[in-house]
Amino acid sequence: MKRKDLIKHLIKSGCIFVREGAKHSVFFNPLIRRISSIPRHNEINSYLGKKICQDLGIEIYIKK
């Protein structure tokens, strides 16, 4: 999956961008107070995308 599509899904699901790390972007879900980081690669493995969504407690992103 594309990184930008996953980020759009996170923001649409209510997650907030916190900061840019050296190699990752950090997002926060204020509803359940959980943080997850997204690597800065153009393509993100679907397993990792699923894990990020589970960590943030949101619906799993499925490319349409």
C-alpha atoms as a PDB file:
ATOM      1  CA  MET A   1       0.000   0.000   0.000  1.00  0.00           C
ATOM      2  CA  LYS A   2       1.079   3.567  -0.544  1.00  0.00           C
ATOM      3  CA  ARG A   3       2.237   5.523   2.506  1.00  0.00           C
ATOM      4  CA  LYS A   4       0.169   8.579   1.597  1.00  0.00           C
ATOM      5  CA  ASP A   5      -3.017   6.456   1.372  1.00  0.00           C
ATOM      6  CA  LEU A   6      -2.378   4.999   4.833  1.00  0.00           C
ATOM      7  CA  ILE A   7      -1.783   8.481   6.284  1.00  0.00           C
ATOM      8  CA  LYS A   8      -5.054   9.740   4.734  1.00  0.00           C
ATOM      9  CA  HIS A   9      -6.848   6.800   6.354  1.00  0.00           C
ATOM     10  CA  LEU A  10      -5.289   7.547   9.759  1.00  0.00           C
ATOM     11  CA  ILE A  11      -6.299  11.208   9.650  1.00  0.00           C
ATOM     12  CA  LYS A  12      -9.812  10.348   8.422  1.00  0.00           C
ATOM     13  CA  SER A  13     -10.112   7.922  11.361  1.00  0.00           C
ATOM     14  CA  GLY A  14      -9.337  10.657  13.889  1.00  0.00           C
ATOM     15  CA  CYS A  15      -5.613  10.158  14.438  1.00  0.00           C
ATOM     16  CA  ILE A  16      -3.401  13.202  14.880  1.00  0.00           C
ATOM     17  CA  PHE A  17       0.050  13.762  13.402  1.00  0.00           C
ATOM     18  CA  VAL A  18       2.445  14.375  16.310  1.00  0.00           C
ATOM     19  CA  ARG A  19       5.948  14.730  14.883  1.00  0.00           C
ATOM     20  CA  GLU A  20       8.523  13.622  12.348  1.00  0.00           C
ATOM     21  CA  GLY A  21      11.269  11.409  13.704  1.00  0.00           C
ATOM     22  CA  ALA A  22      14.546  10.619  11.960  1.00  0.00           C
ATOM     23  CA  LYS A  23      13.026   7.830   9.873  1.00  0.00           C
ATOM     24  CA  HIS A  24       9.377   7.698  10.995  1.00  0.00           C
ATOM     25  CA  SER A  25       6.258   9.835  11.332  1.00  0.00           C
ATOM     26  CA  VAL A  26       4.441   9.539  14.650  1.00  0.00           C
ATOM     27  CA  PHE A  27       0.634   9.496  14.907  1.00  0.00           C
ATOM     28  CA  PHE A  28      -1.580   9.590  18.012  1.00  0.00           C
ATOM     29  CA  ASN A  29      -5.160   8.404  18.542  1.00  0.00           C
ATOM     30  CA  PRO A  30      -6.650  10.694  21.232  1.00  0.00           C
ATOM     31  CA  LEU A  31      -9.708   8.476  21.808  1.00  0.00           C
ATOM     32  CA  ILE A  32      -7.722   5.551  23.203  1.00  0.00           C
ATOM     33  CA  ARG A  33      -4.466   7.443  23.859  1.00  0.00           C
ATOM     34  CA  ARG A  34      -2.219   5.207  21.707  1.00  0.00           C
ATOM     35  CA  ILE A  35       0.792   6.117  19.572  1.00  0.00           C
ATOM     36  CA  SER A  36       2.251   4.402  16.510  1.00  0.00           C
ATOM     37  CA  SER A  37       5.009   5.276  14.061  1.00  0.00           C
ATOM     38  CA  ILE A  38       4.926   4.973  10.278  1.00  0.00           C
ATOM     39  CA  PRO A  39       8.173   4.455   8.380  1.00  0.00           C
ATOM     40  CA  ARG A  40       9.020   6.919   5.615  1.00  0.00           C
ATOM     41  CA  HIS A  41       8.928   4.505   2.658  1.00  0.00           C
ATOM     42  CA  ASN A  42       6.832   5.007  -0.485  1.00  0.00           C
ATOM     43  CA  GLU A  43       5.410   1.498  -0.138  1.00  0.00           C
ATOM     44  CA  ILE A  44       4.384  -0.004   3.195  1.00  0.00           C
ATOM     45  CA  ASN A  45       3.955  -3.743   3.583  1.00  0.00           C
ATOM     46  CA  SER A  46       0.267  -4.658   4.030  1.00  0.00           C
ATOM     47  CA  TYR A  47       1.108  -6.601   7.207  1.00  0.00           C
ATOM     48  CA  LEU A  48       2.753  -3.496   8.703  1.00  0.00           C
ATOM     49  CA  GLY A  49      -0.199  -1.318   7.648  1.00  0.00           C
ATOM     50  CA  LYS A  50      -2.569  -3.719   9.399  1.00  0.00           C
ATOM     51  CA  LYS A  51      -0.388  -3.668  12.531  1.00  0.00           C
ATOM     52  CA  ILE A  52      -0.287   0.163  12.589  1.00  0.00           C
ATOM     53  CA  CYS A  53      -4.094   0.307  12.380  1.00  0.00           C
ATOM     54  CA  GLN A  54      -4.429  -2.261  15.170  1.00  0.00           C
ATOM     55  CA  ASP A  55      -1.956  -0.333  17.349  1.00  0.00           C
ATOM     56  CA  LEU A  56      -3.998   2.840  16.910  1.00  0.00           C
ATOM     57  CA  GLY A  57      -7.305   1.028  17.459  1.00  0.00           C
ATOM     58  CA  ILE A  58      -8.870   1.985  14.127  1.00  0.00           C
ATOM     59  CA  GLU A  59     -10.455   0.073  11.262  1.00  0.00           C
ATOM     60  CA  ILE A  60      -7.909  -1.795   9.154  1.00  0.00           C
ATOM     61  CA  TYR A  61      -7.137  -0.034   5.881  1.00  0.00           C
ATOM     62  CA  ILE A  62      -8.064  -2.022   2.769  1.00  0.00           C
ATOM     63  CA  LYS A  63      -7.043  -0.615  -0.587  1.00  0.00           C
ATOM     64  CA  LYS A  64     -10.094  -0.135  -2.820  1.00  0.00           C
END
